[in-house]
């Protein structure tokens, strides 16, 4: 059985953003069952967990054949054996890989820097000076991304793929801001992805233990 590590609980701002969601979603799209191994923050630094995930993050993954970490690599691994997530032809596979890495390398750093200010540094003096520049750079990159999407539904040859899992997850990390509303094609792209049954199942499964934890620890939320 496939095992994916995930947190027992995270604060509200991180719920729906933790990267095990990417792996859960890929597995749901591929029709593969899995067990979620829930860990607490106290588990992250243990030698046993660091042997699985050197940085103490989630997710870590194992399926009886391989043991992996890094969500993008795991999604790519799942996709390579799934026609739902990766086409069979070389040209199609190459395009999926290109857009998958574009999500992580060309879009996510801009989104992550903005989120880092908004959630962790917004009261620091330097943040008010740095944030407008970050948002400007992000908006430029989102404009380029929207131009690349054009009138397509999905990025890689207009066919839903593993690349869209990564891209949508990255763009969802802007939901605490109104920025994406200024890029209507991207907003519609995210909305249609979130309407997929596999995404809904993955999100519900990630959120379920958080709700259970909050019910038994009322002060945590």
C-alpha atoms as a PDB file:
ATOM      1  CA  UNK A   1       0.000   0.000   0.000  1.00  0.00           C
ATOM      2  CA  UNK A   2       1.171   3.510  -0.778  1.00  0.00           C
ATOM      3  CA  UNK A   3       1.937   5.636   2.288  1.00  0.00           C
ATOM      4  CA  UNK A   4       2.041   9.438   2.311  1.00  0.00           C
ATOM      5  CA  UNK A   5       3.017  11.458   5.353  1.00  0.00           C
ATOM      6  CA  UNK A   6       0.924  14.457   6.341  1.00  0.00           C
ATOM      7  CA  UNK A   7       0.445  16.668   9.378  1.00  0.00           C
ATOM      8  CA  UNK A   8      -2.096  15.964  12.103  1.00  0.00           C
ATOM      9  CA  UNK A   9      -2.824  19.691  12.215  1.00  0.00           C
ATOM     10  CA  UNK A  10      -1.611  23.028  10.849  1.00  0.00           C
ATOM     11  CA  UNK A  11      -2.869  26.589  11.463  1.00  0.00           C
ATOM     12  CA  UNK A  12      -5.786  27.896   9.415  1.00  0.00           C
ATOM     13  CA  UNK A  13      -3.655  29.823   6.910  1.00  0.00           C
ATOM     14  CA  UNK A  14      -1.797  26.638   5.917  1.00  0.00           C
ATOM     15  CA  UNK A  15      -4.798  24.340   5.615  1.00  0.00           C
ATOM     16  CA  UNK A  16      -5.270  23.434   1.972  1.00  0.00           C
ATOM     17  CA  UNK A  17      -1.721  24.544   1.208  1.00  0.00           C
ATOM     18  CA  UNK A  18       0.405  21.789   2.750  1.00  0.00           C
ATOM     19  CA  UNK A  19       2.116  19.964  -0.063  1.00  0.00           C
ATOM     20  CA  UNK A  20       0.842  16.499   0.709  1.00  0.00           C
ATOM     21  CA  UNK A  21      -2.277  17.812  -1.069  1.00  0.00           C
ATOM     22  CA  UNK A  22      -0.387  17.612  -4.372  1.00  0.00           C
ATOM     23  CA  UNK A  23       0.420  13.958  -3.845  1.00  0.00           C
ATOM     24  CA  UNK A  24      -3.049  13.081  -2.582  1.00  0.00           C
ATOM     25  CA  UNK A  25      -4.559  14.749  -5.651  1.00  0.00           C
ATOM     26  CA  UNK A  26      -2.243  12.923  -8.049  1.00  0.00           C
ATOM     27  CA  UNK A  27      -3.086   9.603  -6.427  1.00  0.00           C
ATOM     28  CA  UNK A  28      -6.799  10.349  -6.634  1.00  0.00           C
ATOM     29  CA  UNK A  29      -6.547  11.252 -10.322  1.00  0.00           C
ATOM     30  CA  UNK A  30      -4.555   8.076 -10.956  1.00  0.00           C
ATOM     31  CA  UNK A  31      -7.093   5.952  -9.098  1.00  0.00           C
ATOM     32  CA  UNK A  32      -4.541   4.733  -6.550  1.00  0.00           C
ATOM     33  CA  UNK A  33      -5.365   4.081  -2.922  1.00  0.00           C
ATOM     34  CA  UNK A  34      -3.056   5.215  -0.156  1.00  0.00           C
ATOM     35  CA  UNK A  35      -2.690   5.486   3.596  1.00  0.00           C
ATOM     36  CA  UNK A  36      -1.952   8.841   5.189  1.00  0.00           C
ATOM     37  CA  UNK A  37       0.586   8.575   7.987  1.00  0.00           C
ATOM     38  CA  UNK A  38      -0.089  11.550  10.221  1.00  0.00           C
ATOM     39  CA  UNK A  39       2.789  13.166  12.062  1.00  0.00           C
ATOM     40  CA  UNK A  40       3.025  15.971  14.580  1.00  0.00           C
ATOM     41  CA  UNK A  41       5.482  18.830  14.645  1.00  0.00           C
ATOM     42  CA  UNK A  42       7.341  16.920  17.355  1.00  0.00           C
ATOM     43  CA  UNK A  43       8.063  14.139  14.863  1.00  0.00           C
ATOM     44  CA  UNK A  44       9.763  16.304  12.265  1.00  0.00           C
ATOM     45  CA  UNK A  45      13.217  16.324  13.850  1.00  0.00           C
ATOM     46  CA  UNK A  46      13.365  12.670  14.882  1.00  0.00           C
ATOM     47  CA  UNK A  47      16.091  10.537  13.294  1.00  0.00           C
ATOM     48  CA  UNK A  48      13.482   8.081  12.032  1.00  0.00           C
ATOM     49  CA  UNK A  49      11.566  10.735  10.148  1.00  0.00           C
ATOM     50  CA  UNK A  50      14.686  12.513   8.891  1.00  0.00           C
ATOM     51  CA  UNK A  51      15.714   9.200   7.345  1.00  0.00           C
ATOM     52  CA  UNK A  52      12.597   9.497   5.191  1.00  0.00           C
ATOM     53  CA  UNK A  53      12.584  13.268   4.698  1.00  0.00           C
ATOM     54  CA  UNK A  54      15.962  14.937   5.324  1.00  0.00           C
ATOM     55  CA  UNK A  55      14.372  18.340   5.983  1.00  0.00           C
ATOM     56  CA  UNK A  56      11.581  17.129   8.228  1.00  0.00           C
ATOM     57  CA  UNK A  57       8.879  18.295   5.849  1.00  0.00           C
ATOM     58  CA  UNK A  58       5.825  16.591   4.407  1.00  0.00           C
ATOM     59  CA  UNK A  59       5.118  14.691   2.326  1.00  0.00           C
ATOM     60  CA  UNK A  60       7.350  11.673   2.351  1.00  0.00           C
ATOM     61  CA  UNK A  61       6.242   8.771   0.180  1.00  0.00           C
ATOM     62  CA  UNK A  62       6.770   5.036  -0.131  1.00  0.00           C
ATOM     63  CA  UNK A  63       4.969   2.437  -2.186  1.00  0.00           C
ATOM     64  CA  UNK A  64       6.847  -0.817  -1.557  1.00  0.00           C
ATOM     65  CA  UNK A  65       9.187  -0.175  -4.468  1.00  0.00           C
ATOM     66  CA  UNK A  66      10.548   3.291  -3.789  1.00  0.00           C
ATOM     67  CA  UNK A  67      10.842   5.768  -0.952  1.00  0.00           C
ATOM     68  CA  UNK A  68      10.808   9.448  -1.911  1.00  0.00           C
ATOM     69  CA  UNK A  69      10.532  13.015  -0.690  1.00  0.00           C
ATOM     70  CA  UNK A  70       9.787  16.353  -2.430  1.00  0.00           C
ATOM     71  CA  UNK A  71       6.213  16.719  -3.623  1.00  0.00           C
ATOM     72  CA  UNK A  72       7.067  17.622  -7.210  1.00  0.00           C
ATOM     73  CA  UNK A  73       9.259  14.554  -7.623  1.00  0.00           C
ATOM     74  CA  UNK A  74       6.583  12.354  -6.069  1.00  0.00           C
ATOM     75  CA  UNK A  75       3.864  13.710  -8.367  1.00  0.00           C
ATOM     76  CA  UNK A  76       6.125  13.138 -11.351  1.00  0.00           C
ATOM     77  CA  UNK A  77       6.808   9.567 -10.204  1.00  0.00           C
ATOM     78  CA  UNK A  78       3.093   8.848  -9.895  1.00  0.00           C
ATOM     79  CA  UNK A  79       2.378  10.500 -13.240  1.00  0.00           C
ATOM     80  CA  UNK A  80       4.875   8.438 -15.186  1.00  0.00           C
ATOM     81  CA  UNK A  81       2.749   5.326 -14.618  1.00  0.00           C
ATOM     82  CA  UNK A  82      -0.605   7.065 -15.017  1.00  0.00           C
ATOM     83  CA  UNK A  83      -2.216   7.828 -18.391  1.00  0.00           C
ATOM     84  CA  UNK A  84      -4.558  10.198 -16.540  1.00  0.00           C
ATOM     85  CA  UNK A  85      -1.608  12.390 -15.605  1.00  0.00           C
ATOM     86  CA  UNK A  86       0.973  11.831 -18.334  1.00  0.00           C
ATOM     87  CA  UNK A  87       0.502  11.156 -22.064  1.00  0.00           C
ATOM     88  CA  UNK A  88       2.208   8.205 -23.693  1.00  0.00           C
ATOM     89  CA  UNK A  89       4.024  10.071 -26.478  1.00  0.00           C
ATOM     90  CA  UNK A  90       7.431  11.632 -25.904  1.00  0.00           C
ATOM     91  CA  UNK A  91       6.405  15.110 -27.063  1.00  0.00           C
ATOM     92  CA  UNK A  92       3.412  15.121 -24.753  1.00  0.00           C
ATOM     93  CA  UNK A  93       5.435  13.859 -21.791  1.00  0.00           C
ATOM     94  CA  UNK A  94       8.109  16.471 -22.400  1.00  0.00           C
ATOM     95  CA  UNK A  95       5.539  19.257 -22.365  1.00  0.00           C
ATOM     96  CA  UNK A  96       4.009  18.000 -19.115  1.00  0.00           C
ATOM     97  CA  UNK A  97       7.448  17.904 -17.516  1.00  0.00           C
ATOM     98  CA  UNK A  98       8.201  21.421 -18.765  1.00  0.00           C
ATOM     99  CA  UNK A  99       5.048  22.884 -17.246  1.00  0.00           C
ATOM    100  CA  UNK A 100       5.430  20.876 -14.061  1.00  0.00           C
ATOM    101  CA  UNK A 101       8.854  22.382 -13.475  1.00  0.00           C
ATOM    102  CA  UNK A 102       7.610  25.803 -14.575  1.00  0.00           C
ATOM    103  CA  UNK A 103       5.091  25.714 -11.732  1.00  0.00           C
ATOM    104  CA  UNK A 104       7.836  25.022  -9.194  1.00  0.00           C
ATOM    105  CA  UNK A 105      10.636  27.136 -10.635  1.00  0.00           C
ATOM    106  CA  UNK A 106       9.066  30.020 -12.563  1.00  0.00           C
ATOM    107  CA  UNK A 107       5.871  30.680 -10.583  1.00  0.00           C
ATOM    108  CA  UNK A 108       6.152  29.302  -7.061  1.00  0.00           C
ATOM    109  CA  UNK A 109       9.142  31.403  -5.902  1.00  0.00           C
ATOM    110  CA  UNK A 110       7.186  34.599  -6.576  1.00  0.00           C
ATOM    111  CA  UNK A 111       4.072  33.303  -4.833  1.00  0.00           C
ATOM    112  CA  UNK A 112       6.055  31.937  -1.900  1.00  0.00           C
ATOM    113  CA  UNK A 113       7.916  35.189  -1.332  1.00  0.00           C
ATOM    114  CA  UNK A 114       4.676  37.146  -1.189  1.00  0.00           C
ATOM    115  CA  UNK A 115       3.089  34.602   1.158  1.00  0.00           C
ATOM    116  CA  UNK A 116       6.188  34.674   3.346  1.00  0.00           C
ATOM    117  CA  UNK A 117       5.722  38.381   3.907  1.00  0.00           C
ATOM    118  CA  UNK A 118       1.961  38.233   4.374  1.00  0.00           C
ATOM    119  CA  UNK A 119       1.924  35.355   6.845  1.00  0.00           C
ATOM    120  CA  UNK A 120       5.229  35.629   8.693  1.00  0.00           C
ATOM    121  CA  UNK A 121       6.722  39.105   8.284  1.00  0.00           C
ATOM    122  CA  UNK A 122       3.904  41.557   7.633  1.00  0.00           C
ATOM    123  CA  UNK A 123       4.554  43.555  10.793  1.00  0.00           C
ATOM    124  CA  UNK A 124       8.260  44.004  10.159  1.00  0.00           C
ATOM    125  CA  UNK A 125       9.425  47.404   8.980  1.00  0.00           C
ATOM    126  CA  UNK A 126      11.094  46.134   5.829  1.00  0.00           C
ATOM    127  CA  UNK A 127       7.994  44.276   4.682  1.00  0.00           C
ATOM    128  CA  UNK A 128       6.042  47.395   3.714  1.00  0.00           C
ATOM    129  CA  UNK A 129       8.926  48.449   1.468  1.00  0.00           C
ATOM    130  CA  UNK A 130       9.582  45.051  -0.066  1.00  0.00           C
ATOM    131  CA  UNK A 131       6.035  43.838  -0.646  1.00  0.00           C
ATOM    132  CA  UNK A 132       5.065  46.228  -3.511  1.00  0.00           C
ATOM    133  CA  UNK A 133       8.133  45.150  -5.473  1.00  0.00           C
ATOM    134  CA  UNK A 134       7.375  41.480  -4.895  1.00  0.00           C
ATOM    135  CA  UNK A 135       3.752  41.905  -5.929  1.00  0.00           C
ATOM    136  CA  UNK A 136       4.792  43.799  -9.066  1.00  0.00           C
ATOM    137  CA  UNK A 137       7.184  41.027 -10.060  1.00  0.00           C
ATOM    138  CA  UNK A 138       4.527  38.423  -9.342  1.00  0.00           C
ATOM    139  CA  UNK A 139       1.921  40.232 -11.419  1.00  0.00           C
ATOM    140  CA  UNK A 140       4.329  40.405 -14.342  1.00  0.00           C
ATOM    141  CA  UNK A 141       4.945  36.672 -14.130  1.00  0.00           C
ATOM    142  CA  UNK A 142       1.218  35.941 -13.818  1.00  0.00           C
ATOM    143  CA  UNK A 143       0.588  38.016 -16.914  1.00  0.00           C
ATOM    144  CA  UNK A 144       3.104  35.921 -18.804  1.00  0.00           C
ATOM    145  CA  UNK A 145       1.514  32.762 -17.444  1.00  0.00           C
ATOM    146  CA  UNK A 146      -1.960  33.871 -18.509  1.00  0.00           C
ATOM    147  CA  UNK A 147      -0.669  34.691 -21.988  1.00  0.00           C
ATOM    148  CA  UNK A 148       0.803  31.187 -22.216  1.00  0.00           C
ATOM    149  CA  UNK A 149      -2.496  29.621 -21.186  1.00  0.00           C
ATOM    150  CA  UNK A 150      -4.376  31.617 -23.810  1.00  0.00           C
ATOM    151  CA  UNK A 151      -7.765  30.091 -24.531  1.00  0.00           C
ATOM    152  CA  UNK A 152      -6.729  26.585 -23.406  1.00  0.00           C
ATOM    153  CA  UNK A 153      -8.222  24.796 -20.416  1.00  0.00           C
ATOM    154  CA  UNK A 154      -4.935  23.183 -19.343  1.00  0.00           C
ATOM    155  CA  UNK A 155      -1.276  24.021 -19.847  1.00  0.00           C
ATOM    156  CA  UNK A 156       0.292  20.958 -21.456  1.00  0.00           C
ATOM    157  CA  UNK A 157      -1.318  20.500 -24.869  1.00  0.00           C
ATOM    158  CA  UNK A 158      -4.725  21.464 -23.425  1.00  0.00           C
ATOM    159  CA  UNK A 159      -4.982  18.148 -21.579  1.00  0.00           C
ATOM    160  CA  UNK A 160      -5.222  17.858 -17.794  1.00  0.00           C
ATOM    161  CA  UNK A 161      -1.976  16.468 -16.432  1.00  0.00           C
ATOM    162  CA  UNK A 162       0.376  16.342 -13.487  1.00  0.00           C
ATOM    163  CA  UNK A 163       1.563  19.803 -14.500  1.00  0.00           C
ATOM    164  CA  UNK A 164      -1.830  21.247 -13.653  1.00  0.00           C
ATOM    165  CA  UNK A 165      -1.747  19.691 -10.194  1.00  0.00           C
ATOM    166  CA  UNK A 166       1.441  21.565  -9.411  1.00  0.00           C
ATOM    167  CA  UNK A 167       0.389  24.807 -11.105  1.00  0.00           C
ATOM    168  CA  UNK A 168      -3.017  24.961  -9.453  1.00  0.00           C
ATOM    169  CA  UNK A 169      -1.597  24.186  -6.040  1.00  0.00           C
ATOM    170  CA  UNK A 170       0.869  27.039  -6.419  1.00  0.00           C
ATOM    171  CA  UNK A 171      -1.774  29.507  -7.597  1.00  0.00           C
ATOM    172  CA  UNK A 172      -4.098  28.534  -4.748  1.00  0.00           C
ATOM    173  CA  UNK A 173      -1.548  30.006  -2.363  1.00  0.00           C
ATOM    174  CA  UNK A 174      -2.717  33.417  -3.548  1.00  0.00           C
ATOM    175  CA  UNK A 175      -6.231  32.886  -2.215  1.00  0.00           C
ATOM    176  CA  UNK A 176      -5.544  35.121   0.791  1.00  0.00           C
ATOM    177  CA  UNK A 177      -5.177  38.014  -1.685  1.00  0.00           C
ATOM    178  CA  UNK A 178      -7.384  39.427  -4.477  1.00  0.00           C
ATOM    179  CA  UNK A 179      -4.521  39.239  -6.985  1.00  0.00           C
ATOM    180  CA  UNK A 180      -5.745  36.316  -9.058  1.00  0.00           C
ATOM    181  CA  UNK A 181      -9.037  38.083  -9.766  1.00  0.00           C
ATOM    182  CA  UNK A 182      -7.055  40.465 -11.970  1.00  0.00           C
ATOM    183  CA  UNK A 183      -6.088  37.494 -14.166  1.00  0.00           C
ATOM    184  CA  UNK A 184      -9.504  36.065 -15.069  1.00  0.00           C
ATOM    185  CA  UNK A 185      -8.231  33.239 -17.260  1.00  0.00           C
ATOM    186  CA  UNK A 186      -6.001  31.981 -14.444  1.00  0.00           C
ATOM    187  CA  UNK A 187      -8.793  32.364 -11.906  1.00  0.00           C
ATOM    188  CA  UNK A 188     -11.105  30.310 -14.136  1.00  0.00           C
ATOM    189  CA  UNK A 189      -8.340  27.751 -14.619  1.00  0.00           C
ATOM    190  CA  UNK A 190      -7.972  27.269 -10.869  1.00  0.00           C
ATOM    191  CA  UNK A 191     -11.731  27.127 -10.397  1.00  0.00           C
ATOM    192  CA  UNK A 192     -12.205  24.374 -12.960  1.00  0.00           C
ATOM    193  CA  UNK A 193      -9.380  22.364 -11.413  1.00  0.00           C
ATOM    194  CA  UNK A 194     -10.865  22.711  -7.946  1.00  0.00           C
ATOM    195  CA  UNK A 195     -14.165  21.399  -9.325  1.00  0.00           C
ATOM    196  CA  UNK A 196     -12.570  18.080 -10.268  1.00  0.00           C
ATOM    197  CA  UNK A 197     -13.815  15.229  -8.053  1.00  0.00           C
ATOM    198  CA  UNK A 198     -10.269  14.022  -7.414  1.00  0.00           C
ATOM    199  CA  UNK A 199      -9.253  17.428  -6.067  1.00  0.00           C
ATOM    200  CA  UNK A 200     -12.303  17.602  -3.822  1.00  0.00           C
ATOM    201  CA  UNK A 201     -11.531  14.184  -2.370  1.00  0.00           C
ATOM    202  CA  UNK A 202      -7.881  15.041  -1.813  1.00  0.00           C
ATOM    203  CA  UNK A 203      -8.692  18.329  -0.103  1.00  0.00           C
ATOM    204  CA  UNK A 204     -11.362  16.743   2.090  1.00  0.00           C
ATOM    205  CA  UNK A 205      -8.931  14.015   3.140  1.00  0.00           C
ATOM    206  CA  UNK A 206      -6.265  16.557   4.036  1.00  0.00           C
ATOM    207  CA  UNK A 207      -8.689  18.691   6.059  1.00  0.00           C
ATOM    208  CA  UNK A 208     -10.399  15.831   7.914  1.00  0.00           C
ATOM    209  CA  UNK A 209      -7.669  15.230  10.532  1.00  0.00           C
ATOM    210  CA  UNK A 210      -7.331  18.981  11.075  1.00  0.00           C
ATOM    211  CA  UNK A 211     -11.031  19.199  11.935  1.00  0.00           C
ATOM    212  CA  UNK A 212     -10.784  16.162  14.198  1.00  0.00           C
ATOM    213  CA  UNK A 213      -7.750  17.615  15.960  1.00  0.00           C
ATOM    214  CA  UNK A 214      -9.458  20.977  16.443  1.00  0.00           C
ATOM    215  CA  UNK A 215     -12.527  19.268  17.871  1.00  0.00           C
ATOM    216  CA  UNK A 216     -10.394  17.593  20.526  1.00  0.00           C
ATOM    217  CA  UNK A 217      -8.091  20.613  21.068  1.00  0.00           C
ATOM    218  CA  UNK A 218     -10.429  23.664  20.892  1.00  0.00           C
ATOM    219  CA  UNK A 219      -7.662  26.191  21.629  1.00  0.00           C
ATOM    220  CA  UNK A 220      -5.557  25.082  18.628  1.00  0.00           C
ATOM    221  CA  UNK A 221      -7.746  26.844  16.054  1.00  0.00           C
END
